Amino acid sequence: MATVIDASAIFSGAPVSILYGTVECGATISVPKFELAVTAGSPDFTNAVGPVMNTEIIRKVIPSITLEVDEITAEKIAWAMPGAALVGGVITWGAGRVASTEYKDLVLTEVGADGSELVVTIMNALSAENQSLEFSDDPAKPVGLSLKFTGYVEESTPKVAAFSIALMAGGS
């Protein structure tokens, strides 16, 4: 069977929107990256030359989106510090349990060549990673905040991974 290329199924370019809660992330210089870290396993049967069907178990699915926030505001810097207090543009932060109000959905929307939309949502996302800000006078490298948002499962549905991928047909 010959390979047929469907150009309308190609998604290329930067996302048209990245929302964290209700706040638009803004333009990014680097490409956002969606990742699923999957922990799986199956028994290693002595008489089998490889993995045996119907024995594989998915134990964990950890969704994440890594992105660079280049349009800096105090609110966006606070995204990197779950539970931080923001008063008049001043951020303070301390250790402790993260309140449920800090978890927000991260929605990345990409538009395809035919107008279809690919929407990746990380539910209950939080970015709690080590951070560093690089200050440079190079206009091609503005100060940016690198964030890795990880999805957290709901207490009531601990076996349902905290992400969704939706592909909606375009208008053509």
Protein backbone atom coordinates (compact mmCIF):
# COMPACT_ATOMS: atom_id res chain seq x y z
CA MET A 1 0.00 0.00 0.00
CA ALA A 2 1.37 3.40 -0.97
CA THR A 3 1.86 6.16 1.58
CA VAL A 4 -0.48 9.11 1.09
CA ILE A 5 0.33 12.42 2.73
CA ASP A 6 -2.62 14.30 4.23
CA ALA A 7 -1.32 17.88 4.45
CA SER A 8 -4.44 19.00 6.33
CA ALA A 9 -3.46 16.70 9.22
CA ILE A 10 -0.20 18.56 9.80
CA PHE A 11 0.09 20.86 12.80
CA SER A 12 3.05 23.20 12.51
CA GLY A 13 4.04 26.34 14.34
CA ALA A 14 3.62 27.83 17.75
CA PRO A 15 0.45 27.30 19.79
CA VAL A 16 -2.14 30.02 19.27
CA SER A 17 -2.96 30.04 22.96
CA ILE A 18 -1.56 28.79 26.24
CA LEU A 19 -3.86 29.45 29.20
CA TYR A 20 -3.04 28.74 32.83
CA GLY A 21 -6.32 29.06 34.67
CA THR A 22 -7.74 32.17 33.02
CA VAL A 23 -4.41 33.89 32.29
CA GLU A 24 -2.84 33.85 28.82
CA CYS A 25 0.82 32.84 28.95
CA GLY A 26 1.72 35.15 26.07
CA ALA A 27 4.26 34.76 23.31
CA THR A 28 7.02 32.21 23.80
CA ILE A 29 10.41 32.00 22.11
CA SER A 30 11.01 28.31 22.72
CA VAL A 31 8.63 25.55 21.73
CA PRO A 32 6.31 24.20 24.47
CA LYS A 33 6.69 20.46 25.01
CA PHE A 34 3.94 18.02 26.06
CA GLU A 35 5.16 14.83 27.72
CA LEU A 36 3.61 11.71 29.24
CA ALA A 37 5.88 9.92 31.70
CA VAL A 38 4.52 6.37 31.78
CA THR A 39 5.46 3.71 34.30
CA ALA A 40 4.44 0.29 33.05
CA GLY A 41 5.48 -3.28 33.58
CA SER A 42 4.75 -6.90 32.94
CA PRO A 43 6.08 -10.20 34.25
CA ASP A 44 9.23 -11.53 32.62
CA PHE A 45 8.14 -15.09 31.76
CA THR A 46 10.96 -17.64 31.50
CA ASN A 47 9.60 -19.37 28.40
CA ALA A 48 8.70 -16.20 26.49
CA VAL A 49 11.13 -14.40 24.19
CA GLY A 50 9.51 -11.05 24.91
CA PRO A 51 6.67 -9.31 26.69
CA VAL A 52 3.43 -11.30 26.72
CA MET A 53 0.18 -9.66 25.59
CA ASN A 54 -2.47 -8.94 28.22
CA THR A 55 0.08 -8.88 31.06
CA GLU A 56 1.18 -5.23 30.73
CA ILE A 57 0.02 -2.95 33.54
CA ILE A 58 0.14 0.84 33.38
CA ARG A 59 0.98 1.95 36.91
CA LYS A 60 1.47 5.69 36.46
CA VAL A 61 0.78 8.32 33.83
CA ILE A 62 2.23 11.72 34.67
CA PRO A 63 1.38 14.41 32.11
CA SER A 64 3.39 17.61 31.85
CA ILE A 65 3.95 20.61 29.64
CA THR A 66 7.26 22.45 29.72
CA LEU A 67 7.30 26.01 28.43
CA GLU A 68 9.21 29.24 28.63
CA VAL A 69 7.29 32.27 29.89
CA ASP A 70 8.85 35.26 28.16
CA GLU A 71 6.18 37.89 28.87
CA ILE A 72 7.00 38.32 32.54
CA THR A 73 4.56 39.64 35.15
CA ALA A 74 4.60 39.20 38.92
CA GLU A 75 1.60 36.86 38.62
CA LYS A 76 3.44 34.66 36.11
CA ILE A 77 6.57 34.53 38.27
CA ALA A 78 4.30 33.37 41.13
CA TRP A 79 3.23 30.42 38.93
CA ALA A 80 6.65 28.94 39.73
CA MET A 81 5.95 29.21 43.47
CA PRO A 82 2.65 27.49 44.33
CA GLY A 83 1.10 29.14 47.37
CA ALA A 84 3.09 32.36 47.01
CA ALA A 85 1.47 35.61 48.15
CA LEU A 86 1.31 38.44 45.63
CA VAL A 87 0.58 41.90 47.03
CA GLY A 88 1.14 44.99 44.93
CA GLY A 89 3.62 43.26 42.63
CA VAL A 90 5.69 41.90 45.55
CA ILE A 91 5.95 38.13 45.87
CA THR A 92 6.58 36.33 49.16
CA TRP A 93 6.72 32.58 49.52
CA GLY A 94 7.21 29.90 52.12
CA ALA A 95 7.09 26.14 52.43
CA GLY A 96 3.94 24.22 53.30
CA ARG A 97 1.03 22.29 51.84
CA VAL A 98 -0.22 23.69 48.54
CA ALA A 99 -3.89 24.74 48.73
CA SER A 100 -6.32 23.19 46.26
CA THR A 101 -7.06 26.67 44.86
CA GLU A 102 -3.49 26.79 43.49
CA TYR A 103 -4.09 23.93 41.03
CA LYS A 104 -5.33 25.21 37.66
CA ASP A 105 -5.85 23.69 34.24
CA LEU A 106 -3.20 24.45 31.61
CA VAL A 107 -4.72 24.52 28.11
CA LEU A 108 -2.52 24.57 25.00
CA THR A 109 -4.32 25.15 21.68
CA GLU A 110 -2.75 24.58 18.25
CA VAL A 111 -4.50 25.27 14.92
CA GLY A 112 -3.83 22.99 11.96
CA ALA A 113 -3.48 23.83 8.28
CA ASP A 114 -7.17 23.09 7.68
CA GLY A 115 -8.39 25.11 10.68
CA SER A 116 -8.81 22.08 12.94
CA GLU A 117 -7.79 22.53 16.56
CA LEU A 118 -5.61 20.33 18.71
CA VAL A 119 -6.23 21.10 22.37
CA VAL A 120 -4.03 19.57 25.08
CA THR A 121 -5.23 20.12 28.64
CA ILE A 122 -3.24 19.31 31.75
CA MET A 123 -5.74 19.19 34.61
CA ASN A 124 -4.90 20.43 38.10
CA ALA A 125 -1.53 21.66 36.85
CA LEU A 126 1.16 22.97 39.12
CA SER A 127 4.76 24.02 38.50
CA ALA A 128 6.92 23.29 41.51
CA GLU A 129 10.38 22.86 40.02
CA ASN A 130 13.76 24.41 40.72
CA GLN A 131 13.99 27.81 39.04
CA SER A 132 16.62 30.16 37.70
CA LEU A 133 16.36 33.41 35.77
CA GLU A 134 19.07 34.34 33.29
CA PHE A 135 19.67 38.06 32.79
CA SER A 136 21.27 39.01 29.49
CA ASP A 137 21.56 42.08 27.31
CA ASP A 138 20.98 39.92 24.20
CA PRO A 139 17.58 40.96 22.76
CA ALA A 140 17.19 37.48 21.25
CA LYS A 141 17.30 35.99 24.78
CA PRO A 142 15.02 38.02 27.03
CA VAL A 143 14.60 37.07 30.68
CA GLY A 144 12.42 33.99 30.62
CA LEU A 145 10.96 31.68 33.22
CA SER A 146 11.14 27.98 32.37
CA LEU A 147 8.16 26.18 33.88
CA LYS A 148 7.21 22.51 33.90
CA PHE A 149 3.52 22.13 34.70
CA THR A 150 2.58 18.67 35.95
CA GLY A 151 -0.98 17.36 36.15
CA TYR A 152 -2.28 16.08 39.48
CA VAL A 153 -5.06 13.49 39.73
CA GLU A 154 -8.26 14.16 41.66
CA GLU A 155 -8.57 12.47 45.04
CA SER A 156 -11.91 10.97 44.00
CA THR A 157 -10.53 9.51 40.72
CA PRO A 158 -6.91 8.54 41.43
CA LYS A 159 -6.72 6.14 38.46
CA VAL A 160 -7.76 8.72 35.85
CA ALA A 161 -4.75 10.52 34.34
CA ALA A 162 -4.90 14.31 34.63
CA PHE A 163 -4.88 15.24 30.94
CA SER A 164 -6.99 15.27 27.81
CA ILE A 165 -6.24 15.63 24.12
CA ALA A 166 -9.01 16.84 21.84
CA LEU A 167 -8.86 17.13 18.07
CA MET A 168 -11.70 19.19 16.66
CA ALA A 169 -12.40 19.33 12.93
CA GLY A 170 -11.78 22.58 11.10
CA GLY A 171 -14.17 24.68 9.09
CA SER A 172 -12.90 23.63 5.66
